[in-house]
Amino acid sequence: MESDHNQAVFLLDLRGVACPMNFVKTRLRLDKMATGELLEVLLDDGEPIESVTSSVTSEGHAVESSTKIEANYHRLIIRKTAAA
């Protein structure tokens, strides 16, 4: 993943973490970040990726990309927005 050199990129590996705790942990990490910073989240396939994507979008954050890595997990890149 490429980003601007001045931007911090944080990683959260939430594979194996059940809903809704995966979103809670994502939100707690986002709350500690500055506007414009990127968060990379690894999530299981199915409900986790759907739920976290929907929840962060509804809170006003930008989902920069969602990539299926293997048959059973995804990489979600979230940009923290000022509105959230």
N, C-alpha and C. Protein backbone atom coordinates (compact mmCIF):
# COMPACT_ATOMS: atom_id res chain seq x y z
N MET A 1 0.84 -1.18 0.00
CA MET A 1 0.00 0.00 0.00
C MET A 1 0.88 1.23 0.00
N GLU A 2 0.55 2.18 -0.84
CA GLU A 2 1.32 3.41 -0.90
C GLU A 2 0.48 4.54 -0.32
N SER A 3 1.12 5.44 0.36
CA SER A 3 0.44 6.61 0.90
C SER A 3 1.42 7.78 0.91
N ASP A 4 0.91 8.97 1.23
CA ASP A 4 1.79 10.12 1.34
C ASP A 4 2.82 9.85 2.42
N HIS A 5 4.03 10.34 2.24
CA HIS A 5 5.10 10.06 3.19
C HIS A 5 4.83 10.67 4.57
N ASN A 6 4.00 11.70 4.65
CA ASN A 6 3.74 12.35 5.92
C ASN A 6 2.57 11.74 6.68
N GLN A 7 1.93 10.73 6.13
CA GLN A 7 0.77 10.15 6.78
C GLN A 7 1.15 8.90 7.56
N ALA A 8 0.62 8.83 8.76
CA ALA A 8 0.80 7.63 9.56
C ALA A 8 -0.18 6.58 9.07
N VAL A 9 0.25 5.34 9.10
CA VAL A 9 -0.63 4.23 8.75
C VAL A 9 -0.60 3.26 9.92
N PHE A 10 -1.77 2.99 10.46
CA PHE A 10 -1.88 2.10 11.61
C PHE A 10 -2.46 0.77 11.16
N LEU A 11 -2.10 -0.32 11.84
CA LEU A 11 -2.57 -1.65 11.48
C LEU A 11 -3.31 -2.27 12.65
N LEU A 12 -4.47 -2.85 12.35
CA LEU A 12 -5.25 -3.61 13.32
C LEU A 12 -5.54 -4.97 12.70
N ASP A 13 -5.08 -6.03 13.32
CA ASP A 13 -5.37 -7.39 12.85
C ASP A 13 -6.51 -7.93 13.69
N LEU A 14 -7.72 -7.93 13.12
CA LEU A 14 -8.90 -8.36 13.84
C LEU A 14 -9.45 -9.68 13.31
N ARG A 15 -8.59 -10.46 12.66
CA ARG A 15 -9.02 -11.78 12.22
C ARG A 15 -9.32 -12.63 13.45
N GLY A 16 -10.46 -13.28 13.44
CA GLY A 16 -10.85 -14.11 14.57
C GLY A 16 -11.62 -13.37 15.65
N VAL A 17 -11.78 -12.05 15.50
CA VAL A 17 -12.53 -11.25 16.47
C VAL A 17 -13.98 -11.17 16.01
N ALA A 18 -14.89 -11.53 16.90
CA ALA A 18 -16.32 -11.59 16.55
C ALA A 18 -16.96 -10.21 16.53
N CYS A 19 -18.04 -10.10 15.77
CA CYS A 19 -18.87 -8.89 15.77
C CYS A 19 -19.61 -8.82 17.10
N PRO A 20 -19.83 -7.69 17.70
CA PRO A 20 -19.47 -6.36 17.24
C PRO A 20 -18.11 -5.88 17.75
N MET A 21 -17.36 -6.74 18.42
CA MET A 21 -16.08 -6.30 18.99
C MET A 21 -15.09 -5.83 17.93
N ASN A 22 -15.16 -6.39 16.72
CA ASN A 22 -14.23 -5.94 15.68
C ASN A 22 -14.50 -4.47 15.33
N PHE A 23 -15.76 -4.06 15.29
CA PHE A 23 -16.06 -2.65 15.03
C PHE A 23 -15.68 -1.79 16.23
N VAL A 24 -15.96 -2.26 17.44
CA VAL A 24 -15.61 -1.50 18.65
C VAL A 24 -14.11 -1.21 18.67
N LYS A 25 -13.30 -2.22 18.39
CA LYS A 25 -11.84 -2.04 18.38
C LYS A 25 -11.40 -1.11 17.26
N THR A 26 -12.06 -1.20 16.11
CA THR A 26 -11.76 -0.29 14.99
C THR A 26 -12.07 1.14 15.39
N ARG A 27 -13.23 1.34 15.98
CA ARG A 27 -13.64 2.70 16.37
C ARG A 27 -12.71 3.27 17.44
N LEU A 28 -12.33 2.47 18.41
CA LEU A 28 -11.42 2.95 19.45
C LEU A 28 -10.08 3.40 18.85
N ARG A 29 -9.59 2.64 17.85
CA ARG A 29 -8.33 3.02 17.19
C ARG A 29 -8.52 4.32 16.41
N LEU A 30 -9.63 4.43 15.67
CA LEU A 30 -9.91 5.64 14.90
C LEU A 30 -10.02 6.87 15.80
N ASP A 31 -10.61 6.69 16.98
CA ASP A 31 -10.78 7.80 17.92
C ASP A 31 -9.44 8.38 18.36
N LYS A 32 -8.38 7.57 18.33
CA LYS A 32 -7.05 8.01 18.76
C LYS A 32 -6.23 8.61 17.62
N MET A 33 -6.77 8.56 16.41
CA MET A 33 -6.02 8.99 15.24
C MET A 33 -6.36 10.43 14.85
N ALA A 34 -5.45 11.05 14.12
CA ALA A 34 -5.68 12.40 13.60
C ALA A 34 -6.42 12.32 12.27
N THR A 35 -7.14 13.38 11.95
CA THR A 35 -7.84 13.47 10.68
C THR A 35 -6.88 13.25 9.52
N GLY A 36 -7.29 12.42 8.58
CA GLY A 36 -6.49 12.15 7.39
C GLY A 36 -5.59 10.94 7.51
N GLU A 37 -5.36 10.44 8.72
CA GLU A 37 -4.51 9.26 8.88
C GLU A 37 -5.25 8.02 8.39
N LEU A 38 -4.46 7.02 8.02
CA LEU A 38 -5.01 5.78 7.47
C LEU A 38 -4.91 4.65 8.47
N LEU A 39 -5.96 3.82 8.48
CA LEU A 39 -6.00 2.63 9.32
C LEU A 39 -6.21 1.42 8.42
N GLU A 40 -5.30 0.46 8.51
CA GLU A 40 -5.42 -0.80 7.78
C GLU A 40 -5.97 -1.83 8.76
N VAL A 41 -7.10 -2.44 8.39
CA VAL A 41 -7.75 -3.42 9.26
C VAL A 41 -7.86 -4.74 8.52
N LEU A 42 -7.43 -5.82 9.16
CA LEU A 42 -7.58 -7.16 8.61
C LEU A 42 -8.79 -7.79 9.27
N LEU A 43 -9.73 -8.24 8.45
CA LEU A 43 -11.01 -8.77 8.95
C LEU A 43 -11.35 -10.09 8.26
N ASP A 44 -12.09 -10.91 8.98
CA ASP A 44 -12.58 -12.16 8.41
C ASP A 44 -13.64 -11.88 7.35
N ASP A 45 -13.83 -12.84 6.47
CA ASP A 45 -14.84 -12.78 5.42
C ASP A 45 -16.23 -12.83 6.05
N GLY A 46 -17.23 -12.37 5.31
CA GLY A 46 -18.62 -12.47 5.75
C GLY A 46 -19.05 -11.28 6.59
N GLU A 47 -19.72 -11.57 7.70
CA GLU A 47 -20.28 -10.51 8.55
C GLU A 47 -19.24 -9.50 9.03
N PRO A 48 -18.03 -9.92 9.45
CA PRO A 48 -17.07 -8.92 9.92
C PRO A 48 -16.73 -7.84 8.90
N ILE A 49 -16.40 -8.20 7.68
CA ILE A 49 -16.05 -7.20 6.68
C ILE A 49 -17.26 -6.34 6.31
N GLU A 50 -18.43 -6.96 6.21
CA GLU A 50 -19.65 -6.21 5.87
C GLU A 50 -20.02 -5.24 6.98
N SER A 51 -19.99 -5.71 8.21
CA SER A 51 -20.39 -4.90 9.36
C SER A 51 -19.45 -3.72 9.59
N VAL A 52 -18.15 -3.97 9.60
CA VAL A 52 -17.19 -2.90 9.86
C VAL A 52 -17.21 -1.87 8.74
N THR A 53 -17.26 -2.33 7.50
CA THR A 53 -17.32 -1.39 6.36
C THR A 53 -18.54 -0.49 6.48
N SER A 54 -19.69 -1.08 6.73
CA SER A 54 -20.93 -0.32 6.85
C SER A 54 -20.89 0.65 8.02
N SER A 55 -20.37 0.21 9.15
CA SER A 55 -20.35 1.04 10.36
C SER A 55 -19.41 2.22 10.23
N VAL A 56 -18.19 2.01 9.71
CA VAL A 56 -17.26 3.14 9.60
C VAL A 56 -17.75 4.15 8.57
N THR A 57 -18.38 3.67 7.51
CA THR A 57 -18.93 4.57 6.50
C THR A 57 -20.07 5.39 7.09
N SER A 58 -20.93 4.76 7.87
CA SER A 58 -22.05 5.49 8.46
C SER A 58 -21.58 6.53 9.48
N GLU A 59 -20.39 6.35 10.04
CA GLU A 59 -19.83 7.33 10.96
C GLU A 59 -19.08 8.44 10.23
N GLY A 60 -19.01 8.35 8.91
CA GLY A 60 -18.42 9.43 8.13
C GLY A 60 -16.98 9.22 7.71
N HIS A 61 -16.38 8.10 8.06
CA HIS A 61 -15.01 7.83 7.63
C HIS A 61 -15.03 7.36 6.17
N ALA A 62 -13.89 7.48 5.50
CA ALA A 62 -13.80 7.09 4.09
C ALA A 62 -13.12 5.73 3.98
N VAL A 63 -13.79 4.80 3.31
CA VAL A 63 -13.17 3.51 3.02
C VAL A 63 -12.40 3.68 1.72
N GLU A 64 -11.07 3.71 1.83
CA GLU A 64 -10.21 3.93 0.67
C GLU A 64 -10.14 2.69 -0.21
N SER A 65 -10.12 1.50 0.41
CA SER A 65 -10.11 0.27 -0.37
C SER A 65 -10.50 -0.91 0.50
N SER A 66 -11.00 -1.93 -0.16
CA SER A 66 -11.33 -3.19 0.48
C SER A 66 -10.85 -4.29 -0.46
N THR A 67 -9.91 -5.09 0.01
CA THR A 67 -9.29 -6.10 -0.84
C THR A 67 -9.39 -7.47 -0.18
N LYS A 68 -9.87 -8.43 -0.95
CA LYS A 68 -9.88 -9.80 -0.44
C LYS A 68 -8.47 -10.36 -0.59
N ILE A 69 -7.88 -10.78 0.53
CA ILE A 69 -6.49 -11.23 0.54
C ILE A 69 -6.40 -12.73 0.28
N GLU A 70 -7.17 -13.48 0.98
CA GLU A 70 -7.23 -14.92 0.80
C GLU A 70 -8.71 -15.29 0.82
N ALA A 71 -9.01 -16.55 0.75
CA ALA A 71 -10.40 -16.98 0.72
C ALA A 71 -11.16 -16.57 1.98
N ASN A 72 -10.44 -16.33 3.06
CA ASN A 72 -11.14 -16.11 4.33
C ASN A 72 -10.88 -14.77 5.01
N TYR A 73 -10.13 -13.84 4.40
CA TYR A 73 -10.00 -12.53 5.04
C TYR A 73 -9.77 -11.39 4.05
N HIS A 74 -9.99 -10.17 4.58
CA HIS A 74 -9.94 -8.95 3.77
C HIS A 74 -9.04 -7.92 4.43
N ARG A 75 -8.51 -7.00 3.60
CA ARG A 75 -7.77 -5.83 4.07
C ARG A 75 -8.63 -4.61 3.76
N LEU A 76 -8.97 -3.87 4.78
CA LEU A 76 -9.79 -2.66 4.66
C LEU A 76 -8.90 -1.47 5.00
N ILE A 77 -8.86 -0.47 4.13
CA ILE A 77 -8.10 0.76 4.38
C ILE A 77 -9.11 1.87 4.64
N ILE A 78 -9.02 2.47 5.83
CA ILE A 78 -9.96 3.51 6.26
C ILE A 78 -9.20 4.80 6.49
N ARG A 79 -9.73 5.91 5.95
CA ARG A 79 -9.16 7.23 6.21
C ARG A 79 -10.05 7.93 7.22
N LYS A 80 -9.44 8.35 8.33
CA LYS A 80 -10.20 9.07 9.35
C LYS A 80 -10.57 10.44 8.81
N THR A 81 -11.83 10.80 8.99
CA THR A 81 -12.32 12.11 8.55
C THR A 81 -12.59 13.00 9.75
N ALA A 82 -12.63 14.29 9.49
CA ALA A 82 -12.87 15.27 10.56
C ALA A 82 -14.28 15.17 11.09
N ALA A 83 -15.20 14.75 10.24
CA ALA A 83 -16.62 14.70 10.63
C ALA A 83 -16.88 13.66 11.69
N ALA A 84 -16.04 12.63 11.75
CA ALA A 84 -16.31 11.52 12.66
C ALA A 84 -15.71 11.76 14.03
